[in-house]
């Protein structure tokens, strides 16, 4: 594969404002060229699906690269200024062709000892399987992990993908994803020991499978200080699509004290809605990035739940803050935060073309006090019959959920709105991270006609920058 990192020159960035939202914030001109970096490794396209920032400020990007036949795993490390890190495999990039089919990184994690974990999928020709990789700090595979640095898990007899990853304090690795069967997908939660083996004491021999509706996908995951696990995603049942959270105990069993019997769907039911990235505040409350509406007319959405998995019906409209950035399609895929801000990344659409979208919310404007709805607000989820994925039984399966909204005093936020173009074609941000200094890094893909580049933007989003003029 040809390799190179190319800076993007001369394309103006813009701030798009709609619906009375606050216009502030800016690209960080000290990063790349005018705040942006474009990376081209494969001759037929590159894309970035995950990002992580090391303690030394270096930026890791995970995704895929192709020369036209199939996708290969791609791992890139940039210095804090956006230039390639020469100490990482010589030129800042790693490409791996493990098998004959498509392979891609969808999630990244950092270990305290400097090792890098990457999760995603590998297609050996028949279907996609979980793949978990561990790299040394220099970009080479850690051959002491799994099978020469790689662990492949065939969860079922169809496509399986890791979409979220958390490194625990003891070095164990939690992954969340989805596995497809004959009747749709189920959520998969797994724990791997530090040596790459599934933890036999976690759930059912290391794996927990949960079915909700006809089809469900996992997108984000957090683990609290007590080891309790929450996964975000969406389920579909017929024409209905709803975002949801699922709670698990530290042992991988569904947490019946969370939400309604372990599942917390959105209370907002006027339109279809989807959930993606998940963030847990220090107080325990949960925020989910997503969208509301049908494809082509979606609005960006931020959902708020209590630590117990109850929608905060006083937040926006029935627990969701909806932002109509354009008259077309707007979606938030990722979410990160600190004590003062929440930042969500995705895309906005104007005249059929997509641009990076960053919404930044001031946390001090969100009421940290939890307002739990009345018990009548939670609809009962009816369990369905047992499902099977390959030879594995799905331990829990739930039908659709419903909430009856309860009137509350509403908390409405006006986010800072920033959009960024990388040139011709669509630019979509899939992942986001926040530096110690509060700067926000968003990563994704830009291009058209099947030729794409991995792209990165860094923003200054501080209270000083984002404050509206008096």
Protein backbone atom coordinates (compact mmCIF):
# COMPACT_ATOMS: atom_id res chain seq x y z
CA UNK A 1 0.00 0.00 0.00
CA UNK A 2 1.15 3.51 -0.73
CA UNK A 3 1.25 5.62 2.37
CA UNK A 4 1.27 9.32 3.11
CA UNK A 5 -0.22 11.99 5.30
CA UNK A 6 -1.45 15.02 3.42
CA UNK A 7 -2.49 18.30 5.00
CA UNK A 8 -5.55 19.98 3.60
CA UNK A 9 -4.97 23.53 2.37
CA UNK A 10 -7.12 26.51 1.56
CA UNK A 11 -10.65 25.35 2.35
CA UNK A 12 -12.64 27.74 4.49
CA UNK A 13 -14.37 26.54 7.62
CA UNK A 14 -17.68 27.94 8.70
CA UNK A 15 -20.07 28.19 11.62
CA UNK A 16 -23.66 27.37 10.79
CA UNK A 17 -26.38 28.85 12.97
CA UNK A 18 -30.04 27.93 13.06
CA UNK A 19 -32.99 28.33 15.36
CA UNK A 20 -31.47 30.93 17.69
CA UNK A 21 -28.47 28.78 18.64
CA UNK A 22 -25.27 30.29 19.94
CA UNK A 23 -22.56 30.82 17.30
CA UNK A 24 -19.07 30.58 18.78
CA UNK A 25 -15.98 28.41 18.93
CA UNK A 26 -13.33 27.96 16.30
CA UNK A 27 -10.96 25.57 14.61
CA UNK A 28 -7.57 25.34 16.32
CA UNK A 29 -5.16 26.95 13.83
CA UNK A 30 -2.19 25.35 15.62
CA UNK A 31 -3.35 21.91 14.46
CA UNK A 32 -2.55 20.66 10.97
CA UNK A 33 -3.44 23.33 8.43
CA UNK A 34 -6.11 25.71 9.71
CA UNK A 35 -7.25 23.12 12.24
CA UNK A 36 -7.60 20.17 9.88
CA UNK A 37 -5.65 17.14 8.69
CA UNK A 38 -6.49 14.88 5.74
CA UNK A 39 -4.86 11.45 5.58
CA UNK A 40 -4.56 9.28 2.49
CA UNK A 41 -2.98 5.83 2.78
CA UNK A 42 -4.89 3.52 0.46
CA UNK A 43 -5.23 4.33 -3.23
CA UNK A 44 -9.00 3.83 -3.13
CA UNK A 45 -9.97 5.28 0.21
CA UNK A 46 -9.48 5.65 3.94
CA UNK A 47 -11.90 6.14 6.78
CA UNK A 48 -11.58 6.75 10.50
CA UNK A 49 -14.12 5.32 12.95
CA UNK A 50 -12.43 5.74 16.35
CA UNK A 51 -10.14 8.15 18.21
CA UNK A 52 -8.23 8.14 21.50
CA UNK A 53 -5.88 10.71 23.02
CA UNK A 54 -2.83 9.48 24.92
CA UNK A 55 -1.65 11.05 28.18
CA UNK A 56 1.23 12.69 26.25
CA UNK A 57 -1.21 14.40 23.87
CA UNK A 58 -0.62 12.12 20.88
CA UNK A 59 -3.75 11.28 18.91
CA UNK A 60 -4.65 7.74 17.82
CA UNK A 61 -7.00 7.10 14.91
CA UNK A 62 -8.54 3.72 14.09
CA UNK A 63 -10.35 2.68 10.94
CA UNK A 64 -9.62 1.12 7.58
CA UNK A 65 -7.78 1.63 4.31
CA UNK A 66 -8.20 0.05 0.90
CA UNK A 67 -6.40 -0.28 -2.41
CA UNK A 68 -9.61 -1.39 -4.09
CA UNK A 69 -10.12 -5.04 -3.17
CA UNK A 70 -10.99 -5.19 0.53
CA UNK A 71 -10.68 -3.08 3.66
CA UNK A 72 -7.52 -3.43 5.75
CA UNK A 73 -7.10 -2.39 9.37
CA UNK A 74 -5.61 1.08 9.74
CA UNK A 75 -4.09 2.61 12.88
CA UNK A 76 -2.56 6.10 12.77
CA UNK A 77 -0.84 8.20 15.41
CA UNK A 78 -0.45 11.96 15.16
CA UNK A 79 1.62 14.29 17.27
CA UNK A 80 -0.22 17.00 19.18
CA UNK A 81 0.22 19.43 16.27
CA UNK A 82 -1.39 17.02 13.79
CA UNK A 83 1.80 15.83 12.10
CA UNK A 84 2.56 12.10 11.77
CA UNK A 85 4.42 10.49 14.70
CA UNK A 86 7.66 8.99 13.31
CA UNK A 87 8.10 6.87 16.46
CA UNK A 88 4.95 4.93 15.52
CA UNK A 89 5.94 2.23 13.03
CA UNK A 90 8.35 4.65 11.34
CA UNK A 91 5.85 6.93 9.60
CA UNK A 92 2.89 7.19 11.99
CA UNK A 93 0.76 4.56 10.26
CA UNK A 94 0.01 0.84 10.60
CA UNK A 95 -1.92 -1.27 8.09
CA UNK A 96 -2.83 -4.90 8.66
CA UNK A 97 -4.32 -7.48 6.29
CA UNK A 98 -5.16 -10.33 8.66
CA UNK A 99 -7.43 -12.37 6.41
CA UNK A 100 -8.91 -12.34 2.93
CA UNK A 101 -11.98 -10.18 3.60
CA UNK A 102 -12.77 -6.76 5.02
CA UNK A 103 -11.23 -5.77 8.36
CA UNK A 104 -11.84 -2.55 10.28
CA UNK A 105 -11.27 -0.88 13.65
CA UNK A 106 -14.44 0.56 15.19
CA UNK A 107 -13.27 1.19 18.79
CA UNK A 108 -10.03 2.09 20.58
CA UNK A 109 -8.83 1.82 24.18
CA UNK A 110 -5.64 2.77 26.01
CA UNK A 111 -3.99 0.73 28.74
CA UNK A 112 -2.09 2.38 31.62
CA UNK A 113 1.14 0.64 30.56
CA UNK A 114 1.03 2.20 27.08
CA UNK A 115 -0.47 -0.69 25.15
CA UNK A 116 -3.16 0.14 22.61
CA UNK A 117 -6.33 -1.94 22.19
CA UNK A 118 -8.39 -1.91 19.02
CA UNK A 119 -11.71 -3.65 18.43
CA UNK A 120 -13.82 -4.12 15.33
CA UNK A 121 -14.49 -6.89 12.85
CA UNK A 122 -12.70 -9.31 10.57
CA UNK A 123 -14.24 -11.10 7.60
CA UNK A 124 -12.58 -14.39 6.75
CA UNK A 125 -14.80 -14.94 3.73
CA UNK A 126 -18.01 -16.28 5.27
CA UNK A 127 -19.06 -13.51 7.68
CA UNK A 128 -17.75 -10.91 10.11
CA UNK A 129 -16.35 -11.92 13.50
CA UNK A 130 -15.22 -9.95 16.55
CA UNK A 131 -11.56 -8.97 16.32
CA UNK A 132 -9.55 -7.55 19.23
CA UNK A 133 -5.95 -6.40 18.70
CA UNK A 134 -3.30 -5.22 21.13
CA UNK A 135 -0.42 -3.05 19.96
CA UNK A 136 2.76 -1.98 21.68
CA UNK A 137 3.37 1.75 22.04
CA UNK A 138 5.55 1.71 18.90
CA UNK A 139 2.72 0.39 16.70
CA UNK A 140 3.80 -3.25 16.50
CA UNK A 141 1.43 -6.02 17.56
CA UNK A 142 1.94 -7.30 21.12
CA UNK A 143 2.56 -10.98 20.40
CA UNK A 144 1.94 -11.93 24.06
CA UNK A 145 -1.75 -11.11 23.60
CA UNK A 146 -4.07 -13.76 22.20
CA UNK A 147 -2.73 -15.34 19.01
CA UNK A 148 0.29 -13.19 18.11
CA UNK A 149 -1.50 -10.00 19.14
CA UNK A 150 -4.93 -10.90 17.78
CA UNK A 151 -8.11 -12.43 19.19
CA UNK A 152 -10.93 -13.46 16.85
CA UNK A 153 -14.29 -14.48 18.34
CA UNK A 154 -17.09 -15.94 16.22
CA UNK A 155 -20.07 -15.10 18.43
CA UNK A 156 -22.68 -16.56 16.11
CA UNK A 157 -23.05 -17.89 12.59
CA UNK A 158 -23.45 -14.51 10.87
CA UNK A 159 -21.96 -11.01 11.16
CA UNK A 160 -20.51 -9.93 14.53
CA UNK A 161 -18.92 -6.51 15.22
CA UNK A 162 -17.28 -4.82 18.21
CA UNK A 163 -18.48 -1.21 18.35
CA UNK A 164 -17.41 -0.08 21.85
CA UNK A 165 -14.48 -0.88 24.13
CA UNK A 166 -13.52 -0.05 27.73
CA UNK A 167 -10.25 -0.98 29.44
CA UNK A 168 -10.82 -1.80 33.12
CA UNK A 169 -8.39 -0.82 35.86
CA UNK A 170 -7.04 -4.37 36.18
CA UNK A 171 -6.27 -4.63 32.47
CA UNK A 172 -9.34 -6.67 31.52
CA UNK A 173 -11.21 -5.47 28.45
CA UNK A 174 -14.96 -5.02 28.09
CA UNK A 175 -16.33 -4.92 24.57
CA UNK A 176 -19.85 -4.29 23.32
CA UNK A 177 -21.21 -4.98 19.89
CA UNK A 178 -23.82 -6.83 17.91
CA UNK A 179 -24.31 -10.33 16.53
CA UNK A 180 -26.69 -11.17 13.70
CA UNK A 181 -28.91 -14.21 13.59
CA UNK A 182 -31.77 -15.41 11.44
CA UNK A 183 -34.24 -13.01 13.09
CA UNK A 184 -32.13 -9.87 13.47
CA UNK A 185 -29.28 -8.69 15.66
CA UNK A 186 -28.75 -8.84 19.41
CA UNK A 187 -26.48 -6.88 21.75
CA UNK A 188 -23.31 -8.67 22.80
CA UNK A 189 -21.31 -7.79 25.91
CA UNK A 190 -18.02 -9.62 26.50
CA UNK A 191 -15.07 -9.45 28.85
CA UNK A 192 -11.57 -10.51 27.85
CA UNK A 193 -8.81 -11.12 30.35
CA UNK A 194 -5.49 -9.32 30.00
CA UNK A 195 -4.10 -12.30 28.06
CA UNK A 196 -6.87 -12.13 25.45
CA UNK A 197 -9.00 -15.03 26.67
CA UNK A 198 -12.70 -14.65 27.40
CA UNK A 199 -13.35 -14.34 31.14
CA UNK A 200 -15.11 -17.60 32.15
CA UNK A 201 -16.52 -15.92 35.26
CA UNK A 202 -18.29 -13.19 33.28
CA UNK A 203 -21.89 -13.81 32.19
CA UNK A 204 -22.06 -17.08 30.19
CA UNK A 205 -18.42 -18.09 29.65
CA UNK A 206 -17.46 -14.50 28.93
CA UNK A 207 -20.43 -13.47 26.78
CA UNK A 208 -23.85 -11.93 27.41
CA UNK A 209 -26.40 -11.72 24.57
CA UNK A 210 -29.54 -9.56 24.84
CA UNK A 211 -32.33 -9.26 22.28
CA UNK A 212 -34.73 -6.30 22.20
CA UNK A 213 -37.46 -5.84 19.60
CA UNK A 214 -36.79 -7.42 16.22
CA UNK A 215 -33.31 -5.96 15.81
CA UNK A 216 -30.97 -4.13 18.17
CA UNK A 217 -27.48 -2.64 17.86
CA UNK A 218 -24.97 -1.48 20.47
CA UNK A 219 -23.13 1.79 19.88
CA UNK A 220 -21.60 3.12 23.14
CA UNK A 221 -20.60 1.86 26.58
CA UNK A 222 -19.61 3.26 29.98
CA UNK A 223 -18.53 1.61 33.23
CA UNK A 224 -19.04 3.40 36.55
CA UNK A 225 -16.82 3.35 39.64
CA UNK A 226 -18.70 0.32 41.01
CA UNK A 227 -18.18 -1.68 37.82
CA UNK A 228 -21.76 -1.40 36.60
CA UNK A 229 -22.02 -1.32 32.81
CA UNK A 230 -24.39 0.65 30.58
CA UNK A 231 -24.66 0.19 26.80
CA UNK A 232 -26.36 2.63 24.43
CA UNK A 233 -27.88 1.84 21.06
CA UNK A 234 -31.16 1.45 19.19
CA UNK A 235 -33.76 -1.22 18.58
CA UNK A 236 -36.24 -1.69 15.76
CA UNK A 237 -39.61 -3.42 15.89
CA UNK A 238 -41.53 -3.12 12.64
CA UNK A 239 -41.68 0.54 11.63
CA UNK A 240 -40.62 1.69 15.11
CA UNK A 241 -37.02 2.63 15.91
CA UNK A 242 -36.09 3.78 19.43
CA UNK A 243 -32.87 4.60 21.21
CA UNK A 244 -32.25 2.75 24.46
CA UNK A 245 -29.86 2.01 27.29
CA UNK A 246 -29.24 -1.43 28.78
CA UNK A 247 -27.74 -1.86 32.25
CA UNK A 248 -25.56 -4.76 33.40
CA UNK A 249 -23.97 -5.72 36.70
CA UNK A 250 -20.20 -6.02 36.91
CA UNK A 251 -20.65 -9.78 36.32
CA UNK A 252 -22.33 -9.27 32.94
CA UNK A 253 -25.88 -10.00 34.09
CA UNK A 254 -28.73 -7.65 33.15
CA UNK A 255 -29.20 -5.16 36.01
CA UNK A 256 -32.90 -5.44 36.88
CA UNK A 257 -32.66 -2.29 39.02
CA UNK A 258 -31.75 -0.20 35.96
CA UNK A 259 -34.53 1.40 33.91
CA UNK A 260 -37.44 -0.97 33.48
CA UNK A 261 -36.14 -4.45 34.26
CA UNK A 262 -32.71 -3.56 32.87
CA UNK A 263 -33.74 -1.62 29.76
CA UNK A 264 -34.22 2.16 29.48
CA UNK A 265 -35.77 3.32 26.20
CA UNK A 266 -36.38 6.93 25.23
CA UNK A 267 -39.56 8.50 26.57
CA UNK A 268 -39.87 10.55 23.38
CA UNK A 269 -42.17 8.62 21.02
CA UNK A 270 -43.50 11.24 18.59
CA UNK A 271 -40.92 10.25 15.98
CA UNK A 272 -38.41 7.49 15.44
CA UNK A 273 -35.15 8.10 17.29
CA UNK A 274 -31.67 6.58 17.42
CA UNK A 275 -28.97 6.42 20.08
CA UNK A 276 -25.22 6.36 19.48
CA UNK A 277 -22.42 7.73 21.70
CA UNK A 278 -22.77 7.60 25.51
CA UNK A 279 -21.30 9.78 28.27
CA UNK A 280 -21.69 9.43 32.04
CA UNK A 281 -21.24 12.50 34.23
CA UNK A 282 -19.49 12.38 37.59
CA UNK A 283 -22.88 12.50 39.32
CA UNK A 284 -23.89 9.35 37.43
CA UNK A 285 -26.43 10.80 35.03
CA UNK A 286 -26.26 9.58 31.44
CA UNK A 287 -26.26 11.47 28.14
CA UNK A 288 -26.72 9.89 24.71
CA UNK A 289 -26.00 11.43 21.30
CA UNK A 290 -28.37 10.54 18.50
CA UNK A 291 -31.14 11.73 16.22
CA UNK A 292 -34.90 12.15 15.96
CA UNK A 293 -36.95 11.67 12.78
CA UNK A 294 -36.83 9.66 9.57
CA UNK A 295 -33.68 9.32 7.48
CA UNK A 296 -33.24 12.36 5.26
CA UNK A 297 -35.10 14.61 7.72
CA UNK A 298 -33.45 13.74 11.04
CA UNK A 299 -32.61 16.32 13.70
CA UNK A 300 -29.62 16.12 16.04
CA UNK A 301 -30.62 14.89 19.50
CA UNK A 302 -29.16 14.73 23.01
CA UNK A 303 -30.96 12.38 25.43
CA UNK A 304 -30.68 12.62 29.24
CA UNK A 305 -31.27 9.84 31.79
CA UNK A 306 -30.74 9.56 35.51
CA UNK A 307 -28.10 7.16 36.84
CA UNK A 308 -30.94 4.68 37.44
CA UNK A 309 -31.91 4.71 33.76
CA UNK A 310 -34.99 6.91 34.06
CA UNK A 311 -35.51 9.54 31.32
CA UNK A 312 -35.28 13.10 32.65
CA UNK A 313 -38.58 14.34 31.25
CA UNK A 314 -37.74 17.92 32.23
CA UNK A 315 -34.81 17.89 29.78
CA UNK A 316 -35.83 19.38 26.44
CA UNK A 317 -38.91 17.55 25.16
CA UNK A 318 -39.66 14.34 27.07
CA UNK A 319 -36.00 13.78 27.92
CA UNK A 320 -34.41 14.78 24.62
CA UNK A 321 -32.97 18.08 23.44
CA UNK A 322 -33.65 18.36 19.70
CA UNK A 323 -31.52 20.66 17.51
CA UNK A 324 -32.66 21.37 13.95
CA UNK A 325 -29.37 22.48 12.40
CA UNK A 326 -30.59 22.28 8.80
CA UNK A 327 -33.77 21.44 6.93
CA UNK A 328 -32.19 18.14 5.87
CA UNK A 329 -30.39 15.35 7.74
CA UNK A 330 -28.52 16.06 11.03
CA UNK A 331 -27.17 13.25 13.24
CA UNK A 332 -24.92 13.08 16.32
CA UNK A 333 -22.78 9.92 16.45
CA UNK A 334 -20.39 10.56 19.34
CA UNK A 335 -20.26 12.30 22.71
CA UNK A 336 -17.59 13.36 25.19
CA UNK A 337 -17.59 15.68 28.18
CA UNK A 338 -15.94 17.08 31.28
CA UNK A 339 -17.08 19.02 34.33
CA UNK A 340 -18.18 22.05 32.30
CA UNK A 341 -19.07 20.90 28.78
CA UNK A 342 -20.66 18.20 26.65
CA UNK A 343 -19.46 17.95 23.04
CA UNK A 344 -21.24 15.90 20.40
CA UNK A 345 -20.04 15.17 16.87
CA UNK A 346 -21.70 13.94 13.71
CA UNK A 347 -22.85 15.55 10.49
CA UNK A 348 -25.24 18.15 9.11
CA UNK A 349 -26.61 18.27 5.57
CA UNK A 350 -27.01 21.30 3.32
CA UNK A 351 -28.11 20.99 -0.33
CA UNK A 352 -27.51 17.26 -0.15
CA UNK A 353 -23.89 17.59 1.02
CA UNK A 354 -22.73 16.54 4.49
CA UNK A 355 -20.27 18.46 6.69
CA UNK A 356 -18.73 17.78 10.09
CA UNK A 357 -21.06 18.90 12.89
CA UNK A 358 -19.96 19.75 16.43
CA UNK A 359 -22.46 20.79 19.09
CA UNK A 360 -21.07 22.02 22.41
CA UNK A 361 -23.31 22.35 25.46
CA UNK A 362 -22.41 24.20 28.65
CA UNK A 363 -22.80 21.76 31.54
CA UNK A 364 -23.48 24.52 34.07
CA UNK A 365 -26.70 25.16 32.19
CA UNK A 366 -27.86 21.58 32.76
CA UNK A 367 -29.57 20.90 36.06
CA UNK A 368 -27.60 18.13 37.76
CA UNK A 369 -30.48 17.44 40.12
CA UNK A 370 -32.31 14.38 38.87
CA UNK A 371 -36.07 14.61 38.37
CA UNK A 372 -37.46 11.09 38.24
CA UNK A 373 -40.82 10.66 36.49
CA UNK A 374 -43.80 9.19 38.26
CA UNK A 375 -43.95 5.38 38.22
CA UNK A 376 -46.75 5.50 35.65
CA UNK A 377 -44.29 7.00 33.17
CA UNK A 378 -42.51 3.70 32.67
CA UNK A 379 -44.18 1.16 30.42
CA UNK A 380 -43.73 -2.55 31.09
CA UNK A 381 -41.48 -4.43 28.72
CA UNK A 382 -42.84 -7.84 27.83
CA UNK A 383 -40.30 -10.64 27.49
CA UNK A 384 -40.47 -12.74 24.34
CA UNK A 385 -39.48 -16.34 23.80
CA UNK A 386 -35.88 -17.53 23.84
CA UNK A 387 -33.76 -16.64 20.83
CA UNK A 388 -30.63 -18.33 19.55
CA UNK A 389 -27.60 -16.94 17.74
CA UNK A 390 -25.74 -19.88 16.30
CA UNK A 391 -25.30 -22.29 19.21
CA UNK A 392 -25.59 -19.54 21.84
CA UNK A 393 -28.84 -18.78 23.60
CA UNK A 394 -29.85 -15.16 24.05
CA UNK A 395 -30.24 -14.82 27.80
CA UNK A 396 -32.87 -12.07 27.68
CA UNK A 397 -35.21 -10.81 25.00
CA UNK A 398 -37.65 -7.94 25.30
CA UNK A 399 -40.40 -6.54 23.11
CA UNK A 400 -40.98 -2.83 22.54
CA UNK A 401 -41.30 -0.31 25.35
CA UNK A 402 -43.46 2.76 25.81
CA UNK A 403 -43.47 5.78 28.11
CA UNK A 404 -46.30 8.08 29.03
CA UNK A 405 -44.79 11.60 29.25
CA UNK A 406 -45.22 13.50 32.51
CA UNK A 407 -45.42 17.30 32.52
CA UNK A 408 -42.32 18.93 34.02
CA UNK A 409 -40.60 22.31 33.95
CA UNK A 410 -38.41 22.11 30.88
CA UNK A 411 -34.63 22.60 30.74
CA UNK A 412 -33.64 23.84 27.28
CA UNK A 413 -30.03 24.36 26.16
CA UNK A 414 -28.72 26.38 23.23
CA UNK A 415 -25.59 24.62 22.02
CA UNK A 416 -22.62 26.19 20.33
CA UNK A 417 -22.81 25.01 16.71
CA UNK A 418 -19.79 24.45 14.45
CA UNK A 419 -19.65 22.82 11.03
CA UNK A 420 -16.56 22.10 8.95
CA UNK A 421 -16.05 21.16 5.31
CA UNK A 422 -13.01 19.33 3.94
CA UNK A 423 -13.74 20.06 0.29
CA UNK A 424 -15.85 18.36 -2.34
CA UNK A 425 -18.06 15.48 -1.26
CA UNK A 426 -19.46 14.46 2.10
CA UNK A 427 -17.59 14.95 5.38
CA UNK A 428 -18.92 12.89 8.30
CA UNK A 429 -17.53 12.77 11.85
CA UNK A 430 -17.84 9.36 13.52
CA UNK A 431 -15.84 9.77 16.74
CA UNK A 432 -14.82 12.47 19.19
CA UNK A 433 -12.33 12.97 22.02
CA UNK A 434 -11.44 15.79 24.39
CA UNK A 435 -7.95 16.87 25.38
CA UNK A 436 -6.94 17.84 28.90
CA UNK A 437 -6.97 21.51 27.86
CA UNK A 438 -10.58 21.24 26.68
CA UNK A 439 -9.83 21.21 22.95
CA UNK A 440 -12.03 18.81 21.01
CA UNK A 441 -10.81 16.38 18.34
CA UNK A 442 -13.31 14.98 15.84
CA UNK A 443 -12.46 12.33 13.24
CA UNK A 444 -14.19 10.76 10.29
CA UNK A 445 -14.26 10.49 6.52
CA UNK A 446 -14.45 12.92 3.61
CA UNK A 447 -14.81 12.35 -0.12
CA UNK A 448 -17.11 11.20 -2.89
CA UNK A 449 -17.38 8.74 -5.77
CA UNK A 450 -15.93 6.02 -3.57
CA UNK A 451 -12.63 7.87 -3.02
CA UNK A 452 -12.37 8.95 0.61
CA UNK A 453 -9.78 10.32 3.02
CA UNK A 454 -9.49 9.92 6.77
CA UNK A 455 -9.93 13.40 8.23
CA UNK A 456 -9.37 15.09 11.59
CA UNK A 457 -10.41 18.48 12.95
CA UNK A 458 -9.52 20.11 16.26
CA UNK A 459 -11.59 22.85 17.84
CA UNK A 460 -11.15 25.39 20.59
CA UNK A 461 -14.36 25.13 22.55
CA UNK A 462 -13.81 26.91 25.85
CA UNK A 463 -16.11 28.93 28.05
CA UNK A 464 -14.20 32.04 26.97
CA UNK A 465 -14.49 31.27 23.24
CA UNK A 466 -18.07 30.08 23.41
CA UNK A 467 -19.49 32.92 25.51
CA UNK A 468 -21.87 35.10 23.46
CA UNK A 469 -21.14 38.80 23.22
CA UNK A 470 -22.76 40.94 25.89
